[in-house]
Amino acid sequence: QLQASGGGLVQPGGSLTLSCKASGSIPSMNIMGWYRQASGKERELVATFWNGGIRKYGDSAKGRFDISKDHANQKTYLKMNNLQPEDTAVYYCHLRNGLVPEEWWGQGTQVTVSS
C-alpha cells in the first residue's frame, strides 16, 4: 500500500515537498517514484529512485525537482522547486518490483500552481 501526502496550492515560483510511505509486503528490490497526470493529458514520469541510489527524472522535472528515499522507513520524497502552472496535476506515488512484473500505485495528491 502506498500513502501519498503533501499536495496543495502554491504560487508560481514556490516549492512543495510530496511524501509517500510504502507499507505491507514490500519487495527488497524496488523502484519508488512519482508520476503525474494533468487534466486531459496522459500520465507521465516525474522521477524514480532505483536501488543503488540512481535517480531518473522526466524532462519536466530535470533541474527543478529532487527525489530522495528513506530506505529504513520505505518512504520517498519529491522536493519540487520553482513550480509553474504547467506543473499542476495529480501526482501519484508508484512502486515497482525490481525483479518481477509487479507494481503498486498510491491514491494521488493534487498539486495546483496558481497565483
PDB file of N, CA and C in Angstrom:
ATOM      1  N   GLN A   1       0.845  -1.188   0.000  1.00  0.00           N
ATOM      2  CA  GLN A   1       0.000   0.000   0.000  1.00  0.00           C
ATOM      3  C   GLN A   1       0.888   1.249   0.000  1.00  0.00           C
ATOM      4  N   LEU A   2       0.460   2.247  -0.769  1.00  0.00           N
ATOM      5  CA  LEU A   2       1.214   3.490  -0.846  1.00  0.00           C
ATOM      6  C   LEU A   2       0.327   4.644  -0.397  1.00  0.00           C
ATOM      7  N   GLN A   3       0.849   5.459   0.498  1.00  0.00           N
ATOM      8  CA  GLN A   3       0.104   6.600   1.018  1.00  0.00           C
ATOM      9  C   GLN A   3       0.878   7.860   0.714  1.00  0.00           C
ATOM     10  N   ALA A   4       0.318   8.677  -0.175  1.00  0.00           N
ATOM     11  CA  ALA A   4       0.977   9.915  -0.564  1.00  0.00           C
ATOM     12  C   ALA A   4       0.365  11.093   0.168  1.00  0.00           C
ATOM     13  N   SER A   5       1.192  12.115   0.385  1.00  0.00           N
ATOM     14  CA  SER A   5       0.709  13.327   1.030  1.00  0.00           C
ATOM     15  C   SER A   5       1.586  14.501   0.622  1.00  0.00           C
ATOM     16  N   GLY A   6       1.129  15.704   0.953  1.00  0.00           N
ATOM     17  CA  GLY A   6       1.941  16.892   0.727  1.00  0.00           C
ATOM     18  C   GLY A   6       1.483  17.798  -0.394  1.00  0.00           C
ATOM     19  N   GLY A   7       0.457  17.412  -1.119  1.00  0.00           N
ATOM     20  CA  GLY A   7      -0.022  18.265  -2.191  1.00  0.00           C
ATOM     21  C   GLY A   7      -0.708  19.508  -1.652  1.00  0.00           C
ATOM     22  N   GLY A   8      -1.024  20.421  -2.567  1.00  0.00           N
ATOM     23  CA  GLY A   8      -1.704  21.634  -2.153  1.00  0.00           C
ATOM     24  C   GLY A   8      -1.600  22.709  -3.210  1.00  0.00           C
ATOM     25  N   LEU A   9      -1.936  23.908  -2.776  1.00  0.00           N
ATOM     26  CA  LEU A   9      -1.898  25.077  -3.654  1.00  0.00           C
ATOM     27  C   LEU A   9      -0.633  25.872  -3.376  1.00  0.00           C
ATOM     28  N   VAL A  10       0.081  26.237  -4.426  1.00  0.00           N
ATOM     29  CA  VAL A  10       1.316  27.002  -4.272  1.00  0.00           C
ATOM     30  C   VAL A  10       1.384  28.030  -5.394  1.00  0.00           C
ATOM     31  N   GLN A  11       2.019  29.155  -5.111  1.00  0.00           N
ATOM     32  CA  GLN A  11       2.162  30.198  -6.124  1.00  0.00           C
ATOM     33  C   GLN A  11       3.288  29.865  -7.083  1.00  0.00           C
ATOM     34  N   PRO A  12       3.240  30.391  -8.297  1.00  0.00           N
ATOM     35  CA  PRO A  12       4.346  30.173  -9.245  1.00  0.00           C
ATOM     36  C   PRO A  12       5.677  30.598  -8.628  1.00  0.00           C
ATOM     37  N   GLY A  13       6.692  29.773  -8.837  1.00  0.00           N
ATOM     38  CA  GLY A  13       7.997  30.022  -8.253  1.00  0.00           C
ATOM     39  C   GLY A  13       8.182  29.402  -6.880  1.00  0.00           C
ATOM     40  N   GLY A  14       7.115  28.897  -6.318  1.00  0.00           N
ATOM     41  CA  GLY A  14       7.178  28.316  -4.983  1.00  0.00           C
ATOM     42  C   GLY A  14       7.661  26.881  -4.983  1.00  0.00           C
ATOM     43  N   SER A  15       7.708  26.322  -3.777  1.00  0.00           N
ATOM     44  CA  SER A  15       8.194  24.953  -3.596  1.00  0.00           C
ATOM     45  C   SER A  15       7.182  24.134  -2.816  1.00  0.00           C
ATOM     46  N   LEU A  16       7.290  22.840  -3.009  1.00  0.00           N
ATOM     47  CA  LEU A  16       6.410  21.905  -2.322  1.00  0.00           C
ATOM     48  C   LEU A  16       7.134  20.576  -2.222  1.00  0.00           C
ATOM     49  N   THR A  17       6.913  19.865  -1.127  1.00  0.00           N
ATOM     50  CA  THR A  17       7.501  18.535  -0.976  1.00  0.00           C
ATOM     51  C   THR A  17       6.405  17.499  -0.793  1.00  0.00           C
ATOM     52  N   LEU A  18       6.422  16.499  -1.628  1.00  0.00           N
ATOM     53  CA  LEU A  18       5.498  15.377  -1.514  1.00  0.00           C
ATOM     54  C   LEU A  18       6.208  14.230  -0.806  1.00  0.00           C
ATOM     55  N   SER A  19       5.440  13.451  -0.088  1.00  0.00           N
ATOM     56  CA  SER A  19       5.995  12.271   0.551  1.00  0.00           C
ATOM     57  C   SER A  19       5.098  11.077   0.289  1.00  0.00           C
ATOM     58  N   CYS A  20       5.701   9.907   0.322  1.00  0.00           N
ATOM     59  CA  CYS A  20       4.970   8.670   0.074  1.00  0.00           C
ATOM     60  C   CYS A  20       5.528   7.586   0.981  1.00  0.00           C
ATOM     61  N   LYS A  21       4.626   6.939   1.672  1.00  0.00           N
ATOM     62  CA  LYS A  21       5.002   5.862   2.590  1.00  0.00           C
ATOM     63  C   LYS A  21       4.494   4.541   2.040  1.00  0.00           C
ATOM     64  N   ALA A  22       5.395   3.576   1.896  1.00  0.00           N
ATOM     65  CA  ALA A  22       5.012   2.238   1.476  1.00  0.00           C
ATOM     66  C   ALA A  22       4.850   1.357   2.698  1.00  0.00           C
ATOM     67  N   SER A  23       3.835   0.558   2.704  1.00  0.00           N
ATOM     68  CA  SER A  23       3.610  -0.342   3.829  1.00  0.00           C
ATOM     69  C   SER A  23       3.161  -1.698   3.305  1.00  0.00           C
ATOM     70  N   GLY A  24       3.215  -2.670   4.176  1.00  0.00           N
ATOM     71  CA  GLY A  24       2.851  -4.019   3.774  1.00  0.00           C
ATOM     72  C   GLY A  24       4.067  -4.795   3.299  1.00  0.00           C
ATOM     73  N   SER A  25       3.832  -5.778   2.456  1.00  0.00           N
ATOM     74  CA  SER A  25       4.902  -6.621   1.947  1.00  0.00           C
ATOM     75  C   SER A  25       5.581  -5.923   0.771  1.00  0.00           C
ATOM     76  N   ILE A  26       6.737  -5.355   1.035  1.00  0.00           N
ATOM     77  CA  ILE A  26       7.452  -4.569   0.038  1.00  0.00           C
ATOM     78  C   ILE A  26       8.643  -5.354  -0.481  1.00  0.00           C
ATOM     79  N   PRO A  27       8.761  -5.522  -1.788  1.00  0.00           N
ATOM     80  CA  PRO A  27       9.923  -6.243  -2.315  1.00  0.00           C
ATOM     81  C   PRO A  27      11.214  -5.501  -2.007  1.00  0.00           C
ATOM     82  N   SER A  28      12.245  -6.248  -1.668  1.00  0.00           N
ATOM     83  CA  SER A  28      13.505  -5.604  -1.292  1.00  0.00           C
ATOM     84  C   SER A  28      14.145  -4.879  -2.473  1.00  0.00           C
ATOM     85  N   MET A  29      14.001  -5.446  -3.661  1.00  0.00           N
ATOM     86  CA  MET A  29      14.480  -4.786  -4.876  1.00  0.00           C
ATOM     87  C   MET A  29      13.297  -4.032  -5.467  1.00  0.00           C
ATOM     88  N   ASN A  30      13.294  -2.729  -5.286  1.00  0.00           N
ATOM     89  CA  ASN A  30      12.161  -1.969  -5.795  1.00  0.00           C
ATOM     90  C   ASN A  30      12.597  -0.618  -6.329  1.00  0.00           C
ATOM     91  N   ILE A  31      11.727  -0.075  -7.127  1.00  0.00           N
ATOM     92  CA  ILE A  31      11.919   1.273  -7.666  1.00  0.00           C
ATOM     93  C   ILE A  31      10.717   2.097  -7.218  1.00  0.00           C
ATOM     94  N   MET A  32      10.970   3.124  -6.444  1.00  0.00           N
ATOM     95  CA  MET A  32       9.896   4.016  -5.998  1.00  0.00           C
ATOM     96  C   MET A  32       9.977   5.311  -6.771  1.00  0.00           C
ATOM     97  N   GLY A  33       8.840   5.885  -7.018  1.00  0.00           N
ATOM     98  CA  GLY A  33       8.890   7.122  -7.788  1.00  0.00           C
ATOM     99  C   GLY A  33       7.569   7.846  -7.829  1.00  0.00           C
ATOM    100  N   TRP A  34       7.543   8.847  -8.691  1.00  0.00           N
ATOM    101  CA  TRP A  34       6.383   9.706  -8.836  1.00  0.00           C
ATOM    102  C   TRP A  34       6.046   9.887 -10.310  1.00  0.00           C
ATOM    103  N   TYR A  35       4.761   9.850 -10.579  1.00  0.00           N
ATOM    104  CA  TYR A  35       4.224  10.183 -11.895  1.00  0.00           C
ATOM    105  C   TYR A  35       3.177  11.262 -11.671  1.00  0.00           C
ATOM    106  N   ARG A  36       2.810  11.915 -12.742  1.00  0.00           N
ATOM    107  CA  ARG A  36       1.757  12.920 -12.617  1.00  0.00           C
ATOM    108  C   ARG A  36       0.839  12.873 -13.827  1.00  0.00           C
ATOM    109  N   GLN A  37      -0.375  13.349 -13.608  1.00  0.00           N
ATOM    110  CA  GLN A  37      -1.343  13.404 -14.698  1.00  0.00           C
ATOM    111  C   GLN A  37      -2.117  14.705 -14.611  1.00  0.00           C
ATOM    112  N   ALA A  38      -1.923  15.532 -15.614  1.00  0.00           N
ATOM    113  CA  ALA A  38      -2.668  16.773 -15.705  1.00  0.00           C
ATOM    114  C   ALA A  38      -4.003  16.501 -16.398  1.00  0.00           C
ATOM    115  N   SER A  39      -4.945  17.382 -16.168  1.00  0.00           N
ATOM    116  CA  SER A  39      -6.270  17.217 -16.751  1.00  0.00           C
ATOM    117  C   SER A  39      -6.189  17.135 -18.273  1.00  0.00           C
ATOM    118  N   GLY A  40      -6.745  16.083 -18.830  1.00  0.00           N
ATOM    119  CA  GLY A  40      -6.772  15.912 -20.269  1.00  0.00           C
ATOM    120  C   GLY A  40      -5.495  15.385 -20.880  1.00  0.00           C
ATOM    121  N   LYS A  41      -4.531  15.043 -20.036  1.00  0.00           N
ATOM    122  CA  LYS A  41      -3.252  14.546 -20.547  1.00  0.00           C
ATOM    123  C   LYS A  41      -2.965  13.154 -20.003  1.00  0.00           C
ATOM    124  N   GLU A  42      -1.992  12.503 -20.626  1.00  0.00           N
ATOM    125  CA  GLU A  42      -1.594  11.180 -20.171  1.00  0.00           C
ATOM    126  C   GLU A  42      -0.683  11.280 -18.946  1.00  0.00           C
ATOM    127  N   ARG A  43      -0.663  10.207 -18.201  1.00  0.00           N
ATOM    128  CA  ARG A  43       0.223  10.152 -17.054  1.00  0.00           C
ATOM    129  C   ARG A  43       1.671  10.126 -17.534  1.00  0.00           C
ATOM    130  N   GLU A  44       2.529  10.891 -16.842  1.00  0.00           N
ATOM    131  CA  GLU A  44       3.922  10.968 -17.254  1.00  0.00           C
ATOM    132  C   GLU A  44       4.855  10.792 -16.065  1.00  0.00           C
ATOM    133  N   LEU A  45       6.043  10.347 -16.379  1.00  0.00           N
ATOM    134  CA  LEU A  45       7.070  10.160 -15.356  1.00  0.00           C
ATOM    135  C   LEU A  45       7.529  11.507 -14.823  1.00  0.00           C
ATOM    136  N   VAL A  46       7.662  11.580 -13.502  1.00  0.00           N
ATOM    137  CA  VAL A  46       8.280  12.744 -12.877  1.00  0.00           C
ATOM    138  C   VAL A  46       9.686  12.368 -12.410  1.00  0.00           C
ATOM    139  N   ALA A  47       9.775  11.353 -11.549  1.00  0.00           N
ATOM    140  CA  ALA A  47      11.076  10.945 -11.035  1.00  0.00           C
ATOM    141  C   ALA A  47      10.978   9.555 -10.424  1.00  0.00           C
ATOM    142  N   THR A  48      12.084   8.807 -10.503  1.00  0.00           N
ATOM    143  CA  THR A  48      12.148   7.498  -9.881  1.00  0.00           C
ATOM    144  C   THR A  48      13.472   7.337  -9.145  1.00  0.00           C
ATOM    145  N   PHE A  49      13.416   6.535  -8.094  1.00  0.00           N
ATOM    146  CA  PHE A  49      14.589   6.256  -7.273  1.00  0.00           C
ATOM    147  C   PHE A  49      14.844   4.765  -7.314  1.00  0.00           C
ATOM    148  N   TRP A  50      16.006   4.390  -7.856  1.00  0.00           N
ATOM    149  CA  TRP A  50      16.321   2.983  -8.059  1.00  0.00           C
ATOM    150  C   TRP A  50      17.224   2.473  -6.952  1.00  0.00           C
ATOM    151  N   ASN A  51      17.241   1.165  -6.778  1.00  0.00           N
ATOM    152  CA  ASN A  51      18.214   0.557  -5.872  1.00  0.00           C
ATOM    153  C   ASN A  51      19.616   1.006  -6.266  1.00  0.00           C
ATOM    154  N   GLY A  52      20.433   1.297  -5.307  1.00  0.00           N
ATOM    155  CA  GLY A  52      21.774   1.783  -5.568  1.00  0.00           C
ATOM    156  C   GLY A  52      21.847   3.294  -5.599  1.00  0.00           C
ATOM    157  N   GLY A  53      20.697   3.944  -5.417  1.00  0.00           N
ATOM    158  CA  GLY A  53      20.705   5.394  -5.334  1.00  0.00           C
ATOM    159  C   GLY A  53      20.597   6.114  -6.654  1.00  0.00           C
ATOM    160  N   ILE A  54      20.325   5.388  -7.725  1.00  0.00           N
ATOM    161  CA  ILE A  54      20.201   6.026  -9.029  1.00  0.00           C
ATOM    162  C   ILE A  54      18.873   6.754  -9.119  1.00  0.00           C
ATOM    163  N   ARG A  55      18.928   7.992  -9.572  1.00  0.00           N
ATOM    164  CA  ARG A  55      17.725   8.804  -9.740  1.00  0.00           C
ATOM    165  C   ARG A  55      17.498   9.079 -11.228  1.00  0.00           C
ATOM    166  N   LYS A  56      16.269   8.966 -11.629  1.00  0.00           N
ATOM    167  CA  LYS A  56      15.926   9.291 -13.010  1.00  0.00           C
ATOM    168  C   LYS A  56      14.775  10.281 -13.002  1.00  0.00           C
ATOM    169  N   TYR A  57      14.853  11.261 -13.918  1.00  0.00           N
ATOM    170  CA  TYR A  57      13.856  12.319 -13.956  1.00  0.00           C
ATOM    171  C   TYR A  57      13.237  12.446 -15.343  1.00  0.00           C
ATOM    172  N   GLY A  58      11.960  12.806 -15.342  1.00  0.00           N
ATOM    173  CA  GLY A  58      11.340  13.186 -16.596  1.00  0.00           C
ATOM    174  C   GLY A  58      11.849  14.552 -17.015  1.00  0.00           C
ATOM    175  N   ASP A  59      11.675  14.874 -18.275  1.00  0.00           N
ATOM    176  CA  ASP A  59      12.213  16.129 -18.801  1.00  0.00           C
ATOM    177  C   ASP A  59      11.682  17.341 -18.049  1.00  0.00           C
ATOM    178  N   SER A  60      10.436  17.292 -17.644  1.00  0.00           N
ATOM    179  CA  SER A  60       9.841  18.452 -16.977  1.00  0.00           C
ATOM    180  C   SER A  60      10.390  18.668 -15.577  1.00  0.00           C
ATOM    181  N   ALA A  61      10.997  17.638 -14.998  1.00  0.00           N
ATOM    182  CA  ALA A  61      11.470  17.721 -13.623  1.00  0.00           C
ATOM    183  C   ALA A  61      12.960  18.022 -13.513  1.00  0.00           C
ATOM    184  N   LYS A  62      13.691  17.793 -14.565  1.00  0.00           N
ATOM    185  CA  LYS A  62      15.140  17.947 -14.509  1.00  0.00           C
ATOM    186  C   LYS A  62      15.530  19.361 -14.114  1.00  0.00           C
ATOM    187  N   GLY A  63      16.400  19.444 -13.115  1.00  0.00           N
ATOM    188  CA  GLY A  63      16.910  20.731 -12.674  1.00  0.00           C
ATOM    189  C   GLY A  63      16.033  21.453 -11.668  1.00  0.00           C
ATOM    190  N   ARG A  64      14.817  20.975 -11.470  1.00  0.00           N
ATOM    191  CA  ARG A  64      13.919  21.652 -10.540  1.00  0.00           C
ATOM    192  C   ARG A  64      13.445  20.750  -9.407  1.00  0.00           C
ATOM    193  N   PHE A  65      13.301  19.467  -9.684  1.00  0.00           N
ATOM    194  CA  PHE A  65      12.781  18.524  -8.699  1.00  0.00           C
ATOM    195  C   PHE A  65      13.902  17.614  -8.215  1.00  0.00           C
ATOM    196  N   ASP A  66      13.733  17.144  -6.983  1.00  0.00           N
ATOM    197  CA  ASP A  66      14.710  16.222  -6.416  1.00  0.00           C
ATOM    198  C   ASP A  66      13.981  15.096  -5.697  1.00  0.00           C
ATOM    199  N   ILE A  67      14.302  13.862  -6.052  1.00  0.00           N
ATOM    200  CA  ILE A  67      13.697  12.712  -5.380  1.00  0.00           C
ATOM    201  C   ILE A  67      14.696  12.124  -4.401  1.00  0.00           C
ATOM    202  N   SER A  68      14.195  11.738  -3.247  1.00  0.00           N
ATOM    203  CA  SER A  68      15.041  11.100  -2.247  1.00  0.00           C
ATOM    204  C   SER A  68      14.263   9.959  -1.611  1.00  0.00           C
ATOM    205  N   LYS A  69      14.996   9.131  -0.863  1.00  0.00           N
ATOM    206  CA  LYS A  69      14.348   7.962  -0.283  1.00  0.00           C
ATOM    207  C   LYS A  69      14.890   7.688   1.107  1.00  0.00           C
ATOM    208  N   ASP A  70      14.001   7.403   2.006  1.00  0.00           N
ATOM    209  CA  ASP A  70      14.331   6.933   3.346  1.00  0.00           C
ATOM    210  C   ASP A  70      14.158   5.429   3.322  1.00  0.00           C
ATOM    211  N   HIS A  71      15.266   4.704   3.154  1.00  0.00           N
ATOM    212  CA  HIS A  71      15.190   3.262   2.958  1.00  0.00           C
ATOM    213  C   HIS A  71      14.656   2.561   4.208  1.00  0.00           C
ATOM    214  N   ALA A  72      15.060   3.025   5.352  1.00  0.00           N
ATOM    215  CA  ALA A  72      14.680   2.354   6.593  1.00  0.00           C
ATOM    216  C   ALA A  72      13.170   2.360   6.791  1.00  0.00           C
ATOM    217  N   ASN A  73      12.538   3.460   6.367  1.00  0.00           N
ATOM    218  CA  ASN A  73      11.105   3.604   6.581  1.00  0.00           C
ATOM    219  C   ASN A  73      10.297   3.443   5.300  1.00  0.00           C
ATOM    220  N   GLN A  74      10.953   3.072   4.221  1.00  0.00           N
ATOM    221  CA  GLN A  74      10.290   2.870   2.928  1.00  0.00           C
ATOM    222  C   GLN A  74       9.437   4.093   2.559  1.00  0.00           C
ATOM    223  N   LYS A  75      10.085   5.239   2.635  1.00  0.00           N
ATOM    224  CA  LYS A  75       9.416   6.479   2.236  1.00  0.00           C
ATOM    225  C   LYS A  75      10.201   7.143   1.115  1.00  0.00           C
ATOM    226  N   THR A  76       9.498   7.787   0.241  1.00  0.00           N
ATOM    227  CA  THR A  76      10.140   8.571  -0.789  1.00  0.00           C
ATOM    228  C   THR A  76       9.606   9.989  -0.745  1.00  0.00           C
ATOM    229  N   TYR A  77      10.460  10.930  -1.088  1.00  0.00           N
ATOM    230  CA  TYR A  77      10.102  12.337  -1.058  1.00  0.00           C
ATOM    231  C   TYR A  77      10.376  12.947  -2.428  1.00  0.00           C
ATOM    232  N   LEU A  78       9.546  13.888  -2.791  1.00  0.00           N
ATOM    233  CA  LEU A  78       9.753  14.635  -4.023  1.00  0.00           C
ATOM    234  C   LEU A  78       9.757  16.111  -3.676  1.00  0.00           C
ATOM    235  N   LYS A  79      10.936  16.719  -3.721  1.00  0.00           N
ATOM    236  CA  LYS A  79      11.058  18.151  -3.465  1.00  0.00           C
ATOM    237  C   LYS A  79      10.948  18.866  -4.797  1.00  0.00           C
ATOM    238  N   MET A  80       9.945  19.733  -4.891  1.00  0.00           N
ATOM    239  CA  MET A  80       9.677  20.434  -6.149  1.00  0.00           C
ATOM    240  C   MET A  80       9.936  21.919  -5.956  1.00  0.00           C
ATOM    241  N   ASN A  81      10.830  22.449  -6.758  1.00  0.00           N
ATOM    242  CA  ASN A  81      11.202  23.863  -6.694  1.00  0.00           C
ATOM    243  C   ASN A  81      10.775  24.590  -7.965  1.00  0.00           C
ATOM    244  N   ASN A  82      10.663  25.900  -7.821  1.00  0.00           N
ATOM    245  CA  ASN A  82      10.313  26.744  -8.966  1.00  0.00           C
ATOM    246  C   ASN A  82       9.099  26.194  -9.718  1.00  0.00           C
ATOM    247  N   LEU A  83       8.070  25.897  -8.980  1.00  0.00           N
ATOM    248  CA  LEU A  83       6.872  25.336  -9.591  1.00  0.00           C
ATOM    249  C   LEU A  83       6.191  26.345 -10.510  1.00  0.00           C
ATOM    250  N   GLN A  84       5.650  25.826 -11.589  1.00  0.00           N
ATOM    251  CA  GLN A  84       4.979  26.649 -12.591  1.00  0.00           C
ATOM    252  C   GLN A  84       3.563  26.125 -12.827  1.00  0.00           C
ATOM    253  N   PRO A  85       2.689  26.928 -13.385  1.00  0.00           N
ATOM    254  CA  PRO A  85       1.316  26.477 -13.613  1.00  0.00           C
ATOM    255  C   PRO A  85       1.236  25.164 -14.386  1.00  0.00           C
ATOM    256  N   GLU A  86       2.171  24.912 -15.266  1.00  0.00           N
ATOM    257  CA  GLU A  86       2.147  23.665 -16.038  1.00  0.00           C
ATOM    258  C   GLU A  86       2.493  22.442 -15.202  1.00  0.00           C
ATOM    259  N   ASP A  87       2.923  22.662 -13.970  1.00  0.00           N
ATOM    260  CA  ASP A  87       3.168  21.546 -13.053  1.00  0.00           C
ATOM    261  C   ASP A  87       1.885  21.107 -12.345  1.00  0.00           C
ATOM    262  N   THR A  88       0.826  21.839 -12.550  1.00  0.00           N
ATOM    263  CA  THR A  88      -0.453  21.475 -11.947  1.00  0.00           C
ATOM    264  C   THR A  88      -0.907  20.109 -12.452  1.00  0.00           C
ATOM    265  N   ALA A  89      -1.148  19.209 -11.516  1.00  0.00           N
ATOM    266  CA  ALA A  89      -1.511  17.834 -11.870  1.00  0.00           C
ATOM    267  C   ALA A  89      -1.815  17.053 -10.596  1.00  0.00           C
ATOM    268  N   VAL A  90      -2.328  15.860 -10.801  1.00  0.00           N
ATOM    269  CA  VAL A  90      -2.405  14.899  -9.698  1.00  0.00           C
ATOM    270  C   VAL A  90      -1.111  14.091  -9.734  1.00  0.00           C
ATOM    271  N   TYR A  91      -0.442  14.054  -8.607  1.00  0.00           N
ATOM    272  CA  TYR A  91       0.835  13.349  -8.506  1.00  0.00           C
ATOM    273  C   TYR A  91       0.605  12.007  -7.821  1.00  0.00           C
ATOM    274  N   TYR A  92       1.121  10.970  -8.458  1.00  0.00           N
ATOM    275  CA  TYR A  92       0.924   9.606  -7.969  1.00  0.00           C
ATOM    276  C   TYR A  92       2.255   8.991  -7.540  1.00  0.00           C
ATOM    277  N   CYS A  93       2.220   8.403  -6.381  1.00  0.00           N
ATOM    278  CA  CYS A  93       3.354   7.621  -5.922  1.00  0.00           C
ATOM    279  C   CYS A  93       3.293   6.246  -6.580  1.00  0.00           C
ATOM    280  N   HIS A  94       4.433   5.687  -6.897  1.00  0.00           N
ATOM    281  CA  HIS A  94       4.492   4.410  -7.616  1.00  0.00           C
ATOM    282  C   HIS A  94       5.623   3.562  -7.053  1.00  0.00           C
ATOM    283  N   LEU A  95       5.379   2.281  -6.938  1.00  0.00           N
ATOM    284  CA  LEU A  95       6.408   1.342  -6.509  1.00  0.00           C
ATOM    285  C   LEU A  95       6.379   0.142  -7.438  1.00  0.00           C
ATOM    286  N   ARG A  96       7.549  -0.229  -7.918  1.00  0.00           N
ATOM    287  CA  ARG A  96       7.651  -1.367  -8.841  1.00  0.00           C
ATOM    288  C   ARG A  96       8.641  -2.374  -8.301  1.00  0.00           C
ATOM    289  N   ASN A  97       8.265  -3.632  -8.401  1.00  0.00           N
ATOM    290  CA  ASN A  97       9.177  -4.717  -8.034  1.00  0.00           C
ATOM    291  C   ASN A  97      10.297  -4.756  -9.064  1.00  0.00           C
ATOM    292  N   GLY A  98      11.537  -4.764  -8.584  1.00  0.00           N
ATOM    293  CA  GLY A  98      12.679  -4.739  -9.472  1.00  0.00           C
ATOM    294  C   GLY A  98      13.005  -6.073 -10.114  1.00  0.00           C
ATOM    295  N   LEU A  99      12.308  -7.136  -9.697  1.00  0.00           N
ATOM    296  CA  LEU A  99      12.643  -8.475 -10.205  1.00  0.00           C
ATOM    297  C   LEU A  99      11.523  -9.098 -11.038  1.00  0.00           C
ATOM    298  N   VAL A 100      10.291  -8.829 -10.677  1.00  0.00           N
ATOM    299  CA  VAL A 100       9.169  -9.417 -11.408  1.00  0.00           C
ATOM    300  C   VAL A 100       8.178  -8.303 -11.740  1.00  0.00           C
ATOM    301  N   PRO A 101       7.341  -8.548 -12.758  1.00  0.00           N
ATOM    302  CA  PRO A 101       6.371  -7.512 -13.144  1.00  0.00           C
ATOM    303  C   PRO A 101       5.255  -7.383 -12.118  1.00  0.00           C
ATOM    304  N   GLU A 102       5.467  -6.412 -11.209  1.00  0.00           N
ATOM    305  CA  GLU A 102       4.527  -6.205 -10.128  1.00  0.00           C
ATOM    306  C   GLU A 102       4.646  -4.747  -9.718  1.00  0.00           C
ATOM    307  N   GLU A 103       3.534  -4.070  -9.565  1.00  0.00           N
ATOM    308  CA  GLU A 103       3.601  -2.662  -9.248  1.00  0.00           C
ATOM    309  C   GLU A 103       2.387  -2.226  -8.436  1.00  0.00           C
ATOM    310  N   TRP A 104       2.568  -1.078  -7.766  1.00  0.00           N
ATOM    311  CA  TRP A 104       1.522  -0.501  -6.937  1.00  0.00           C
ATOM    312  C   TRP A 104       1.446   0.999  -7.197  1.00  0.00           C
ATOM    313  N   TRP A 105       0.253   1.533  -7.063  1.00  0.00           N
ATOM    314  CA  TRP A 105       0.025   2.972  -7.210  1.00  0.00           C
ATOM    315  C   TRP A 105      -0.607   3.529  -5.945  1.00  0.00           C
ATOM    316  N   GLY A 106      -0.187   4.723  -5.570  1.00  0.00           N
ATOM    317  CA  GLY A 106      -0.839   5.438  -4.497  1.00  0.00           C
ATOM    318  C   GLY A 106      -2.102   6.106  -4.997  1.00  0.00           C
ATOM    319  N   GLN A 107      -2.790   6.785  -4.103  1.00  0.00           N
ATOM    320  CA  GLN A 107      -4.105   7.333  -4.425  1.00  0.00           C
ATOM    321  C   GLN A 107      -4.023   8.671  -5.151  1.00  0.00           C
ATOM    322  N   GLY A 108      -2.869   9.285  -5.216  1.00  0.00           N
ATOM    323  CA  GLY A 108      -2.724  10.566  -5.886  1.00  0.00           C
ATOM    324  C   GLY A 108      -2.927  11.734  -4.950  1.00  0.00           C
ATOM    325  N   THR A 109      -2.150  12.777  -5.173  1.00  0.00           N
ATOM    326  CA  THR A 109      -2.285  14.002  -4.394  1.00  0.00           C
ATOM    327  C   THR A 109      -2.240  15.180  -5.360  1.00  0.00           C
ATOM    328  N   GLN A 110      -3.174  16.099  -5.181  1.00  0.00           N
ATOM    329  CA  GLN A 110      -3.315  17.216  -6.119  1.00  0.00           C
ATOM    330  C   GLN A 110      -2.298  18.307  -5.815  1.00  0.00           C
ATOM    331  N   VAL A 111      -1.625  18.751  -6.857  1.00  0.00           N
ATOM    332  CA  VAL A 111      -0.743  19.909  -6.775  1.00  0.00           C
ATOM    333  C   VAL A 111      -1.273  20.957  -7.736  1.00  0.00           C
ATOM    334  N   THR A 112      -1.560  22.130  -7.213  1.00  0.00           N
ATOM    335  CA  THR A 112      -2.065  23.226  -8.034  1.00  0.00           C
ATOM    336  C   THR A 112      -1.137  24.413  -7.897  1.00  0.00           C
ATOM    337  N   VAL A 113      -0.659  24.888  -9.031  1.00  0.00           N
ATOM    338  CA  VAL A 113       0.240  26.045  -9.052  1.00  0.00           C
ATOM    339  C   VAL A 113      -0.514  27.211  -9.692  1.00  0.00           C
ATOM    340  N   SER A 114      -0.803  28.197  -8.875  1.00  0.00           N
ATOM    341  CA  SER A 114      -1.619  29.306  -9.353  1.00  0.00           C
ATOM    342  C   SER A 114      -1.400  30.533  -8.477  1.00  0.00           C
ATOM    343  N   SER A 115      -1.508  31.699  -9.097  1.00  0.00           N
ATOM    344  CA  SER A 115      -1.402  32.933  -8.329  1.00  0.00           C
ATOM    345  C   SER A 115      -2.789  33.397  -7.893  1.00  0.00           C
TER     346      SER A 115
END
